[in-house]
mmCIF file of all heavy atoms, coordinates in Angstrom:
data_MODEL
# 
_entry.id   MODEL 
# 
loop_
_atom_site.group_PDB 
_atom_site.id 
_atom_site.type_symbol 
_atom_site.label_atom_id 
_atom_site.label_alt_id 
_atom_site.label_comp_id 
_atom_site.label_asym_id 
_atom_site.label_entity_id 
_atom_site.label_seq_id 
_atom_site.pdbx_PDB_ins_code 
_atom_site.Cartn_x 
_atom_site.Cartn_y 
_atom_site.Cartn_z 
_atom_site.occupancy 
_atom_site.B_iso_or_equiv 
_atom_site.pdbx_formal_charge 
_atom_site.auth_seq_id 
_atom_site.auth_comp_id 
_atom_site.auth_asym_id 
_atom_site.auth_atom_id 
_atom_site.pdbx_PDB_model_num 
ATOM 1   N N   . HIS A 1 1  ? 0.825  -1.229 0.000  1.00 0.00 ? 1  HIS A N   1 
ATOM 2   C CA  . HIS A 1 1  ? -0.001 0.007  -0.008 1.00 0.00 ? 1  HIS A CA  1 
ATOM 3   C C   . HIS A 1 1  ? 0.864  1.252  0.002  1.00 0.00 ? 1  HIS A C   1 
ATOM 4   O O   . HIS A 1 1  ? 0.358  2.350  0.283  1.00 0.00 ? 1  HIS A O   1 
ATOM 5   C CB  . HIS A 1 1  ? -0.943 -0.017 1.221  1.00 0.00 ? 1  HIS A CB  1 
ATOM 6   C CG  . HIS A 1 1  ? -1.962 -1.092 1.142  1.00 0.00 ? 1  HIS A CG  1 
ATOM 7   N ND1 . HIS A 1 1  ? -2.385 -1.806 2.283  1.00 0.00 ? 1  HIS A ND1 1 
ATOM 8   C CD2 . HIS A 1 1  ? -2.636 -1.617 0.104  1.00 0.00 ? 1  HIS A CD2 1 
ATOM 9   C CE1 . HIS A 1 1  ? -3.281 -2.698 1.912  1.00 0.00 ? 1  HIS A CE1 1 
ATOM 10  N NE2 . HIS A 1 1  ? -3.449 -2.621 0.617  1.00 0.00 ? 1  HIS A NE2 1 
ATOM 11  N N   . TRP A 1 2  ? 2.138  1.126  -0.319 1.00 0.00 ? 2  TRP A N   1 
ATOM 12  C CA  . TRP A 1 2  ? 3.085  2.231  -0.372 1.00 0.00 ? 2  TRP A CA  1 
ATOM 13  C C   . TRP A 1 2  ? 3.350  2.833  1.002  1.00 0.00 ? 2  TRP A C   1 
ATOM 14  O O   . TRP A 1 2  ? 3.679  4.009  1.106  1.00 0.00 ? 2  TRP A O   1 
ATOM 15  C CB  . TRP A 1 2  ? 2.625  3.311  -1.368 1.00 0.00 ? 2  TRP A CB  1 
ATOM 16  C CG  . TRP A 1 2  ? 2.767  2.819  -2.776 1.00 0.00 ? 2  TRP A CG  1 
ATOM 17  C CD1 . TRP A 1 2  ? 1.849  2.186  -3.525 1.00 0.00 ? 2  TRP A CD1 1 
ATOM 18  C CD2 . TRP A 1 2  ? 3.939  2.919  -3.599 1.00 0.00 ? 2  TRP A CD2 1 
ATOM 19  N NE1 . TRP A 1 2  ? 2.347  1.872  -4.768 1.00 0.00 ? 2  TRP A NE1 1 
ATOM 20  C CE2 . TRP A 1 2  ? 3.635  2.300  -4.856 1.00 0.00 ? 2  TRP A CE2 1 
ATOM 21  C CE3 . TRP A 1 2  ? 5.224  3.436  -3.417 1.00 0.00 ? 2  TRP A CE3 1 
ATOM 22  C CZ2 . TRP A 1 2  ? 4.540  2.212  -5.897 1.00 0.00 ? 2  TRP A CZ2 1 
ATOM 23  C CZ3 . TRP A 1 2  ? 6.125  3.341  -4.471 1.00 0.00 ? 2  TRP A CZ3 1 
ATOM 24  C CH2 . TRP A 1 2  ? 5.801  2.724  -5.673 1.00 0.00 ? 2  TRP A CH2 1 
ATOM 25  N N   . ASN A 1 3  ? 3.208  2.034  2.065  1.00 0.00 ? 3  ASN A N   1 
ATOM 26  C CA  . ASN A 1 3  ? 3.625  2.479  3.367  1.00 0.00 ? 3  ASN A CA  1 
ATOM 27  C C   . ASN A 1 3  ? 5.102  2.183  3.538  1.00 0.00 ? 3  ASN A C   1 
ATOM 28  O O   . ASN A 1 3  ? 5.558  1.089  3.253  1.00 0.00 ? 3  ASN A O   1 
ATOM 29  C CB  . ASN A 1 3  ? 2.805  1.755  4.467  1.00 0.00 ? 3  ASN A CB  1 
ATOM 30  C CG  . ASN A 1 3  ? 1.338  2.103  4.423  1.00 0.00 ? 3  ASN A CG  1 
ATOM 31  O OD1 . ASN A 1 3  ? 0.993  3.297  4.253  1.00 0.00 ? 3  ASN A OD1 1 
ATOM 32  N ND2 . ASN A 1 3  ? 0.479  1.128  4.561  1.00 0.00 ? 3  ASN A ND2 1 
ATOM 33  N N   . MET A 1 4  ? 5.832  3.163  4.051  1.00 0.00 ? 4  MET A N   1 
ATOM 34  C CA  . MET A 1 4  ? 7.278  3.008  4.206  1.00 0.00 ? 4  MET A CA  1 
ATOM 35  C C   . MET A 1 4  ? 7.605  2.057  5.383  1.00 0.00 ? 4  MET A C   1 
ATOM 36  O O   . MET A 1 4  ? 7.139  2.272  6.464  1.00 0.00 ? 4  MET A O   1 
ATOM 37  C CB  . MET A 1 4  ? 7.949  4.392  4.425  1.00 0.00 ? 4  MET A CB  1 
ATOM 38  C CG  . MET A 1 4  ? 9.443  4.349  4.468  1.00 0.00 ? 4  MET A CG  1 
ATOM 39  S SD  . MET A 1 4  ? 10.164 6.039  4.277  1.00 0.00 ? 4  MET A SD  1 
ATOM 40  C CE  . MET A 1 4  ? 9.333  6.948  5.566  1.00 0.00 ? 4  MET A CE  1 
ATOM 41  N N   . VAL A 1 5  ? 8.407  1.070  5.112  1.00 0.00 ? 5  VAL A N   1 
ATOM 42  C CA  . VAL A 1 5  ? 8.820  0.116  6.129  1.00 0.00 ? 5  VAL A CA  1 
ATOM 43  C C   . VAL A 1 5  ? 10.299 0.236  6.499  1.00 0.00 ? 5  VAL A C   1 
ATOM 44  O O   . VAL A 1 5  ? 10.742 -0.254 7.530  1.00 0.00 ? 5  VAL A O   1 
ATOM 45  C CB  . VAL A 1 5  ? 8.497  -1.334 5.719  1.00 0.00 ? 5  VAL A CB  1 
ATOM 46  C CG1 . VAL A 1 5  ? 6.987  -1.559 5.559  1.00 0.00 ? 5  VAL A CG1 1 
ATOM 47  C CG2 . VAL A 1 5  ? 9.223  -1.727 4.434  1.00 0.00 ? 5  VAL A CG2 1 
ATOM 48  N N   . ALA A 1 6  ? 11.073 0.898  5.631  1.00 0.00 ? 6  ALA A N   1 
ATOM 49  C CA  . ALA A 1 6  ? 12.497 1.093  5.933  1.00 0.00 ? 6  ALA A CA  1 
ATOM 50  C C   . ALA A 1 6  ? 12.980 2.188  4.973  1.00 0.00 ? 6  ALA A C   1 
ATOM 51  O O   . ALA A 1 6  ? 12.428 2.440  3.920  1.00 0.00 ? 6  ALA A O   1 
ATOM 52  C CB  . ALA A 1 6  ? 13.301 -0.151 5.722  1.00 0.00 ? 6  ALA A CB  1 
ATOM 53  N N   . ALA A 1 7  ? 14.077 2.857  5.399  1.00 0.00 ? 7  ALA A N   1 
ATOM 54  C CA  . ALA A 1 7  ? 14.644 3.946  4.559  1.00 0.00 ? 7  ALA A CA  1 
ATOM 55  C C   . ALA A 1 7  ? 16.098 4.146  4.972  1.00 0.00 ? 7  ALA A C   1 
ATOM 56  O O   . ALA A 1 7  ? 16.492 3.818  6.070  1.00 0.00 ? 7  ALA A O   1 
ATOM 57  C CB  . ALA A 1 7  ? 13.856 5.231  4.712  1.00 0.00 ? 7  ALA A CB  1 
ATOM 58  N N   . ASN A 1 8  ? 16.900 4.712  4.034  1.00 0.00 ? 8  ASN A N   1 
ATOM 59  C CA  . ASN A 1 8  ? 18.258 5.048  4.378  1.00 0.00 ? 8  ASN A CA  1 
ATOM 60  C C   . ASN A 1 8  ? 18.355 6.460  4.877  1.00 0.00 ? 8  ASN A C   1 
ATOM 61  O O   . ASN A 1 8  ? 17.389 7.227  4.853  1.00 0.00 ? 8  ASN A O   1 
ATOM 62  C CB  . ASN A 1 8  ? 19.222 4.742  3.225  1.00 0.00 ? 8  ASN A CB  1 
ATOM 63  C CG  . ASN A 1 8  ? 18.991 5.653  2.024  1.00 0.00 ? 8  ASN A CG  1 
ATOM 64  O OD1 . ASN A 1 8  ? 18.248 6.650  2.102  1.00 0.00 ? 8  ASN A OD1 1 
ATOM 65  N ND2 . ASN A 1 8  ? 19.613 5.334  0.892  1.00 0.00 ? 8  ASN A ND2 1 
ATOM 66  N N   . ALA A 1 9  ? 19.532 6.843  5.337  1.00 0.00 ? 9  ALA A N   1 
ATOM 67  C CA  . ALA A 1 9  ? 19.708 8.183  5.936  1.00 0.00 ? 9  ALA A CA  1 
ATOM 68  C C   . ALA A 1 9  ? 19.473 9.285  4.947  1.00 0.00 ? 9  ALA A C   1 
ATOM 69  O O   . ALA A 1 9  ? 19.025 10.394 5.317  1.00 0.00 ? 9  ALA A O   1 
ATOM 70  C CB  . ALA A 1 9  ? 21.114 8.267  6.522  1.00 0.00 ? 9  ALA A CB  1 
ATOM 71  N N   . ALA A 1 10 ? 19.747 9.050  3.657  1.00 0.00 ? 10 ALA A N   1 
ATOM 72  C CA  . ALA A 1 10 ? 19.625 10.104 2.656  1.00 0.00 ? 10 ALA A CA  1 
ATOM 73  C C   . ALA A 1 10 ? 18.178 10.523 2.392  1.00 0.00 ? 10 ALA A C   1 
ATOM 74  O O   . ALA A 1 10 ? 17.935 11.560 1.796  1.00 0.00 ? 10 ALA A O   1 
ATOM 75  C CB  . ALA A 1 10 ? 20.293 9.653  1.360  1.00 0.00 ? 10 ALA A CB  1 
ATOM 76  N N   . VAL A 1 11 ? 17.214 9.711  2.845  1.00 0.00 ? 11 VAL A N   1 
ATOM 77  C CA  . VAL A 1 11 ? 15.798 10.054 2.631  1.00 0.00 ? 11 VAL A CA  1 
ATOM 78  C C   . VAL A 1 11 ? 15.418 11.339 3.328  1.00 0.00 ? 11 VAL A C   1 
ATOM 79  O O   . VAL A 1 11 ? 14.428 12.012 2.950  1.00 0.00 ? 11 VAL A O   1 
ATOM 80  C CB  . VAL A 1 11 ? 14.896 8.882  3.061  1.00 0.00 ? 11 VAL A CB  1 
ATOM 81  C CG1 . VAL A 1 11 ? 13.438 9.310  3.247  1.00 0.00 ? 11 VAL A CG1 1 
ATOM 82  C CG2 . VAL A 1 11 ? 14.955 7.744  2.045  1.00 0.00 ? 11 VAL A CG2 1 
ATOM 83  N N   . THR A 1 12 ? 16.187 11.740 4.325  1.00 0.00 ? 12 THR A N   1 
ATOM 84  C CA  . THR A 1 12 ? 15.875 12.978 5.072  1.00 0.00 ? 12 THR A CA  1 
ATOM 85  C C   . THR A 1 12 ? 15.831 14.198 4.168  1.00 0.00 ? 12 THR A C   1 
ATOM 86  O O   . THR A 1 12 ? 15.114 15.142 4.464  1.00 0.00 ? 12 THR A O   1 
ATOM 87  C CB  . THR A 1 12 ? 16.877 13.221 6.197  1.00 0.00 ? 12 THR A CB  1 
ATOM 88  O OG1 . THR A 1 12 ? 18.219 13.235 5.660  1.00 0.00 ? 12 THR A OG1 1 
ATOM 89  C CG2 . THR A 1 12 ? 16.786 12.122 7.258  1.00 0.00 ? 12 THR A CG2 1 
ATOM 90  N N   . ILE A 1 13 ? 16.589 14.197 3.066  1.00 0.00 ? 13 ILE A N   1 
ATOM 91  C CA  . ILE A 1 13 ? 16.530 15.335 2.160  1.00 0.00 ? 13 ILE A CA  1 
ATOM 92  C C   . ILE A 1 13 ? 15.161 15.482 1.517  1.00 0.00 ? 13 ILE A C   1 
ATOM 93  O O   . ILE A 1 13 ? 14.755 16.575 1.122  1.00 0.00 ? 13 ILE A O   1 
ATOM 94  C CB  . ILE A 1 13 ? 17.610 15.225 1.056  1.00 0.00 ? 13 ILE A CB  1 
ATOM 95  C CG1 . ILE A 1 13 ? 17.811 16.584 0.390  1.00 0.00 ? 13 ILE A CG1 1 
ATOM 96  C CG2 . ILE A 1 13 ? 17.295 14.157 0.012  1.00 0.00 ? 13 ILE A CG2 1 
ATOM 97  C CD1 . ILE A 1 13 ? 19.003 16.685 -0.539 1.00 0.00 ? 13 ILE A CD1 1 
ATOM 98  N N   . LEU A 1 14 ? 14.403 14.370 1.458  1.00 0.00 ? 14 LEU A N   1 
ATOM 99  C CA  . LEU A 1 14 ? 13.037 14.401 0.914  1.00 0.00 ? 14 LEU A CA  1 
ATOM 100 C C   . LEU A 1 14 ? 12.004 14.711 1.965  1.00 0.00 ? 14 LEU A C   1 
ATOM 101 O O   . LEU A 1 14 ? 10.921 15.164 1.655  1.00 0.00 ? 14 LEU A O   1 
ATOM 102 C CB  . LEU A 1 14 ? 12.718 13.065 0.252  1.00 0.00 ? 14 LEU A CB  1 
ATOM 103 C CG  . LEU A 1 14 ? 13.557 12.617 -0.948 1.00 0.00 ? 14 LEU A CG  1 
ATOM 104 C CD1 . LEU A 1 14 ? 13.179 11.224 -1.377 1.00 0.00 ? 14 LEU A CD1 1 
ATOM 105 C CD2 . LEU A 1 14 ? 13.450 13.596 -2.112 1.00 0.00 ? 14 LEU A CD2 1 
ATOM 106 N N   . THR A 1 15 ? 12.317 14.425 3.233  1.00 0.00 ? 15 THR A N   1 
ATOM 107 C CA  . THR A 1 15 ? 11.307 14.516 4.299  1.00 0.00 ? 15 THR A CA  1 
ATOM 108 C C   . THR A 1 15 ? 11.517 15.627 5.277  1.00 0.00 ? 15 THR A C   1 
ATOM 109 O O   . THR A 1 15 ? 10.649 15.879 6.108  1.00 0.00 ? 15 THR A O   1 
ATOM 110 C CB  . THR A 1 15 ? 11.233 13.213 5.074  1.00 0.00 ? 15 THR A CB  1 
ATOM 111 O OG1 . THR A 1 15 ? 12.536 12.930 5.668  1.00 0.00 ? 15 THR A OG1 1 
ATOM 112 C CG2 . THR A 1 15 ? 10.882 12.021 4.161  1.00 0.00 ? 15 THR A CG2 1 
ATOM 113 N N   . GLU A 1 16 ? 12.632 16.362 5.222  1.00 0.00 ? 16 GLU A N   1 
ATOM 114 C CA  . GLU A 1 16 ? 12.947 17.318 6.272  1.00 0.00 ? 16 GLU A CA  1 
ATOM 115 C C   . GLU A 1 16 ? 11.972 18.467 6.400  1.00 0.00 ? 16 GLU A C   1 
ATOM 116 O O   . GLU A 1 16 ? 11.854 19.084 7.450  1.00 0.00 ? 16 GLU A O   1 
ATOM 117 C CB  . GLU A 1 16 ? 14.390 17.850 6.115  1.00 0.00 ? 16 GLU A CB  1 
ATOM 118 C CG  . GLU A 1 16 ? 14.633 18.540 4.793  1.00 0.00 ? 16 GLU A CG  1 
ATOM 119 C CD  . GLU A 1 16 ? 16.132 18.853 4.607  1.00 0.00 ? 16 GLU A CD  1 
ATOM 120 O OE1 . GLU A 1 16 ? 16.848 18.850 5.598  1.00 0.00 ? 16 GLU A OE1 1 
ATOM 121 O OE2 . GLU A 1 16 ? 16.545 19.082 3.461  1.00 0.00 ? 16 GLU A OE2 1 
ATOM 122 N N   . GLN A 1 17 ? 11.211 18.780 5.346  1.00 0.00 ? 17 GLN A N   1 
ATOM 123 C CA  . GLN A 1 17 ? 10.217 19.848 5.402  1.00 0.00 ? 17 GLN A CA  1 
ATOM 124 C C   . GLN A 1 17 ? 8.789  19.338 5.423  1.00 0.00 ? 17 GLN A C   1 
ATOM 125 O O   . GLN A 1 17 ? 7.837  20.101 5.393  1.00 0.00 ? 17 GLN A O   1 
ATOM 126 C CB  . GLN A 1 17 ? 10.393 20.797 4.233  1.00 0.00 ? 17 GLN A CB  1 
ATOM 127 C CG  . GLN A 1 17 ? 11.745 21.505 4.196  1.00 0.00 ? 17 GLN A CG  1 
ATOM 128 C CD  . GLN A 1 17 ? 11.852 22.472 3.023  1.00 0.00 ? 17 GLN A CD  1 
ATOM 129 O OE1 . GLN A 1 17 ? 11.250 23.530 3.013  1.00 0.00 ? 17 GLN A OE1 1 
ATOM 130 N NE2 . GLN A 1 17 ? 12.612 22.081 2.011  1.00 0.00 ? 17 GLN A NE2 1 
ATOM 131 N N   . VAL A 1 18 ? 8.647  18.000 5.531  1.00 0.00 ? 18 VAL A N   1 
ATOM 132 C CA  . VAL A 1 18 ? 7.300  17.394 5.551  1.00 0.00 ? 18 VAL A CA  1 
ATOM 133 C C   . VAL A 1 18 ? 6.728  17.469 6.948  1.00 0.00 ? 18 VAL A C   1 
ATOM 134 O O   . VAL A 1 18 ? 7.461  17.353 7.945  1.00 0.00 ? 18 VAL A O   1 
ATOM 135 C CB  . VAL A 1 18 ? 7.426  15.922 5.088  1.00 0.00 ? 18 VAL A CB  1 
ATOM 136 C CG1 . VAL A 1 18 ? 6.107  15.170 5.315  1.00 0.00 ? 18 VAL A CG1 1 
ATOM 137 C CG2 . VAL A 1 18 ? 7.832  15.851 3.636  1.00 0.00 ? 18 VAL A CG2 1 
ATOM 138 N N   . SER A 1 19 ? 5.436  17.642 7.043  1.00 0.00 ? 19 SER A N   1 
ATOM 139 C CA  . SER A 1 19 ? 4.766  17.705 8.367  1.00 0.00 ? 19 SER A CA  1 
ATOM 140 C C   . SER A 1 19 ? 5.025  16.412 9.141  1.00 0.00 ? 19 SER A C   1 
ATOM 141 O O   . SER A 1 19 ? 4.863  15.336 8.578  1.00 0.00 ? 19 SER A O   1 
ATOM 142 C CB  . SER A 1 19 ? 3.283  17.867 8.175  1.00 0.00 ? 19 SER A CB  1 
ATOM 143 O OG  . SER A 1 19 ? 2.572  17.679 9.382  1.00 0.00 ? 19 SER A OG  1 
ATOM 144 N N   . PRO A 1 20 ? 5.432  16.532 10.428 1.00 0.00 ? 20 PRO A N   1 
ATOM 145 C CA  . PRO A 1 20 ? 5.653  15.300 11.238 1.00 0.00 ? 20 PRO A CA  1 
ATOM 146 C C   . PRO A 1 20 ? 4.469  14.365 11.263 1.00 0.00 ? 20 PRO A C   1 
ATOM 147 O O   . PRO A 1 20 ? 4.627  13.161 11.392 1.00 0.00 ? 20 PRO A O   1 
ATOM 148 C CB  . PRO A 1 20 ? 5.980  15.892 12.614 1.00 0.00 ? 20 PRO A CB  1 
ATOM 149 C CG  . PRO A 1 20 ? 6.540  17.271 12.351 1.00 0.00 ? 20 PRO A CG  1 
ATOM 150 C CD  . PRO A 1 20 ? 5.741  17.772 11.144 1.00 0.00 ? 20 PRO A CD  1 
ATOM 151 N N   . ALA A 1 21 ? 3.275  14.931 11.171 1.00 0.00 ? 21 ALA A N   1 
ATOM 152 C CA  . ALA A 1 21 ? 2.076  14.064 11.206 1.00 0.00 ? 21 ALA A CA  1 
ATOM 153 C C   . ALA A 1 21 ? 2.054  13.066 10.054 1.00 0.00 ? 21 ALA A C   1 
ATOM 154 O O   . ALA A 1 21 ? 1.579  11.953 10.209 1.00 0.00 ? 21 ALA A O   1 
ATOM 155 C CB  . ALA A 1 21 ? 0.813  14.921 11.206 1.00 0.00 ? 21 ALA A CB  1 
ATOM 156 N N   . LEU A 1 22 ? 2.570  13.477 8.876  1.00 0.00 ? 22 LEU A N   1 
ATOM 157 C CA  . LEU A 1 22 ? 2.578  12.575 7.730  1.00 0.00 ? 22 LEU A CA  1 
ATOM 158 C C   . LEU A 1 22 ? 3.650  11.522 7.845  1.00 0.00 ? 22 LEU A C   1 
ATOM 159 O O   . LEU A 1 22 ? 3.598  10.516 7.132  1.00 0.00 ? 22 LEU A O   1 
ATOM 160 C CB  . LEU A 1 22 ? 2.791  13.388 6.452  1.00 0.00 ? 22 LEU A CB  1 
ATOM 161 C CG  . LEU A 1 22 ? 1.662  14.289 5.982  1.00 0.00 ? 22 LEU A CG  1 
ATOM 162 C CD1 . LEU A 1 22 ? 2.083  15.113 4.777  1.00 0.00 ? 22 LEU A CD1 1 
ATOM 163 C CD2 . LEU A 1 22 ? 0.412  13.435 5.643  1.00 0.00 ? 22 LEU A CD2 1 
ATOM 164 N N   . LEU A 1 23 ? 4.613  11.739 8.724  1.00 0.00 ? 23 LEU A N   1 
ATOM 165 C CA  . LEU A 1 23 ? 5.687  10.792 8.907  1.00 0.00 ? 23 LEU A CA  1 
ATOM 166 C C   . LEU A 1 23 ? 5.442  9.772  9.989  1.00 0.00 ? 23 LEU A C   1 
ATOM 167 O O   . LEU A 1 23 ? 6.245  8.845  10.211 1.00 0.00 ? 23 LEU A O   1 
ATOM 168 C CB  . LEU A 1 23 ? 7.016  11.540 9.187  1.00 0.00 ? 23 LEU A CB  1 
ATOM 169 C CG  . LEU A 1 23 ? 7.458  12.528 8.111  1.00 0.00 ? 23 LEU A CG  1 
ATOM 170 C CD1 . LEU A 1 23 ? 8.714  13.267 8.543  1.00 0.00 ? 23 LEU A CD1 1 
ATOM 171 C CD2 . LEU A 1 23 ? 7.682  11.798 6.787  1.00 0.00 ? 23 LEU A CD2 1 
ATOM 172 N N   . GLU A 1 24 ? 4.323  9.937  10.692 1.00 0.00 ? 24 GLU A N   1 
ATOM 173 C CA  . GLU A 1 24 ? 3.961  8.947  11.728 1.00 0.00 ? 24 GLU A CA  1 
ATOM 174 C C   . GLU A 1 24 ? 3.568  7.633  11.050 1.00 0.00 ? 24 GLU A C   1 
ATOM 175 O O   . GLU A 1 24 ? 2.846  7.600  10.069 1.00 0.00 ? 24 GLU A O   1 
ATOM 176 C CB  . GLU A 1 24 ? 2.767  9.465  12.552 1.00 0.00 ? 24 GLU A CB  1 
ATOM 177 C CG  . GLU A 1 24 ? 3.066  10.607 13.488 1.00 0.00 ? 24 GLU A CG  1 
ATOM 178 C CD  . GLU A 1 24 ? 3.959  10.208 14.628 1.00 0.00 ? 24 GLU A CD  1 
ATOM 179 O OE1 . GLU A 1 24 ? 3.839  9.020  15.095 1.00 0.00 ? 24 GLU A OE1 1 
ATOM 180 O OE2 . GLU A 1 24 ? 4.807  11.018 15.074 1.00 0.00 ? 24 GLU A OE2 1 
ATOM 181 N N   . PRO A 1 25 ? 4.068  6.524  11.602 1.00 0.00 ? 25 PRO A N   1 
ATOM 182 C CA  . PRO A 1 25 ? 3.757  5.206  11.017 1.00 0.00 ? 25 PRO A CA  1 
ATOM 183 C C   . PRO A 1 25 ? 2.252  4.925  11.052 1.00 0.00 ? 25 PRO A C   1 
ATOM 184 O O   . PRO A 1 25 ? 1.600  5.297  12.050 1.00 0.00 ? 25 PRO A O   1 
ATOM 185 C CB  . PRO A 1 25 ? 4.512  4.226  11.928 1.00 0.00 ? 25 PRO A CB  1 
ATOM 186 C CG  . PRO A 1 25 ? 5.588  5.038  12.528 1.00 0.00 ? 25 PRO A CG  1 
ATOM 187 C CD  . PRO A 1 25 ? 5.028  6.400  12.718 1.00 0.00 ? 25 PRO A CD  1 
ATOM 188 N N   . PRO A 1 26 ? 1.694  4.342  10.021 1.00 0.00 ? 26 PRO A N   1 
ATOM 189 C CA  . PRO A 1 26 ? 2.340  4.002  8.758  1.00 0.00 ? 26 PRO A CA  1 
ATOM 190 C C   . PRO A 1 26 ? 2.429  5.196  7.840  1.00 0.00 ? 26 PRO A C   1 
ATOM 191 O O   . PRO A 1 26 ? 1.406  5.762  7.440  1.00 0.00 ? 26 PRO A O   1 
ATOM 192 C CB  . PRO A 1 26 ? 1.436  2.917  8.187  1.00 0.00 ? 26 PRO A CB  1 
ATOM 193 C CG  . PRO A 1 26 ? 0.074  3.284  8.706  1.00 0.00 ? 26 PRO A CG  1 
ATOM 194 C CD  . PRO A 1 26 ? 0.280  3.876  10.052 1.00 0.00 ? 26 PRO A CD  1 
ATOM 195 N N   . ALA A 1 27 ? 3.631  5.616  7.523  1.00 0.00 ? 27 ALA A N   1 
ATOM 196 C CA  . ALA A 1 27 ? 3.856  6.774  6.669  1.00 0.00 ? 27 ALA A CA  1 
ATOM 197 C C   . ALA A 1 27 ? 3.729  6.327  5.212  1.00 0.00 ? 27 ALA A C   1 
ATOM 198 O O   . ALA A 1 27 ? 4.504  5.530  4.718  1.00 0.00 ? 27 ALA A O   1 
ATOM 199 C CB  . ALA A 1 27 ? 5.229  7.352  6.915  1.00 0.00 ? 27 ALA A CB  1 
ATOM 200 N N   . ASN A 1 28 ? 2.731  6.895  4.526  1.00 0.00 ? 28 ASN A N   1 
ATOM 201 C CA  . ASN A 1 28 ? 2.481  6.526  3.119  1.00 0.00 ? 28 ASN A CA  1 
ATOM 202 C C   . ASN A 1 28 ? 3.268  7.428  2.197  1.00 0.00 ? 28 ASN A C   1 
ATOM 203 O O   . ASN A 1 28 ? 3.049  8.652  2.196  1.00 0.00 ? 28 ASN A O   1 
ATOM 204 C CB  . ASN A 1 28 ? 0.993  6.581  2.816  1.00 0.00 ? 28 ASN A CB  1 
ATOM 205 C CG  . ASN A 1 28 ? 0.687  6.044  1.461  1.00 0.00 ? 28 ASN A CG  1 
ATOM 206 O OD1 . ASN A 1 28 ? 0.806  6.707  0.443  1.00 0.00 ? 28 ASN A OD1 1 
ATOM 207 N ND2 . ASN A 1 28 ? 0.250  4.788  1.397  1.00 0.00 ? 28 ASN A ND2 1 
ATOM 208 N N   . VAL A 1 29 ? 4.164  6.885  1.402  1.00 0.00 ? 29 VAL A N   1 
ATOM 209 C CA  . VAL A 1 29 ? 5.061  7.727  0.614  1.00 0.00 ? 29 VAL A CA  1 
ATOM 210 C C   . VAL A 1 29 ? 4.343  8.467  -0.516 1.00 0.00 ? 29 VAL A C   1 
ATOM 211 O O   . VAL A 1 29 ? 4.754  9.568  -0.909 1.00 0.00 ? 29 VAL A O   1 
ATOM 212 C CB  . VAL A 1 29 ? 6.254  6.891  0.065  1.00 0.00 ? 29 VAL A CB  1 
ATOM 213 C CG1 . VAL A 1 29 ? 7.054  6.280  1.193  1.00 0.00 ? 29 VAL A CG1 1 
ATOM 214 C CG2 . VAL A 1 29 ? 5.779  5.837  -0.907 1.00 0.00 ? 29 VAL A CG2 1 
# 
């Protein structure tokens, strides 16, 4: 369902300005 289950450290460049609420598990990419 496109929920993120793992990520590397470099993903932060994509998520650093994203609302924390959207990053709460299950975070849907």
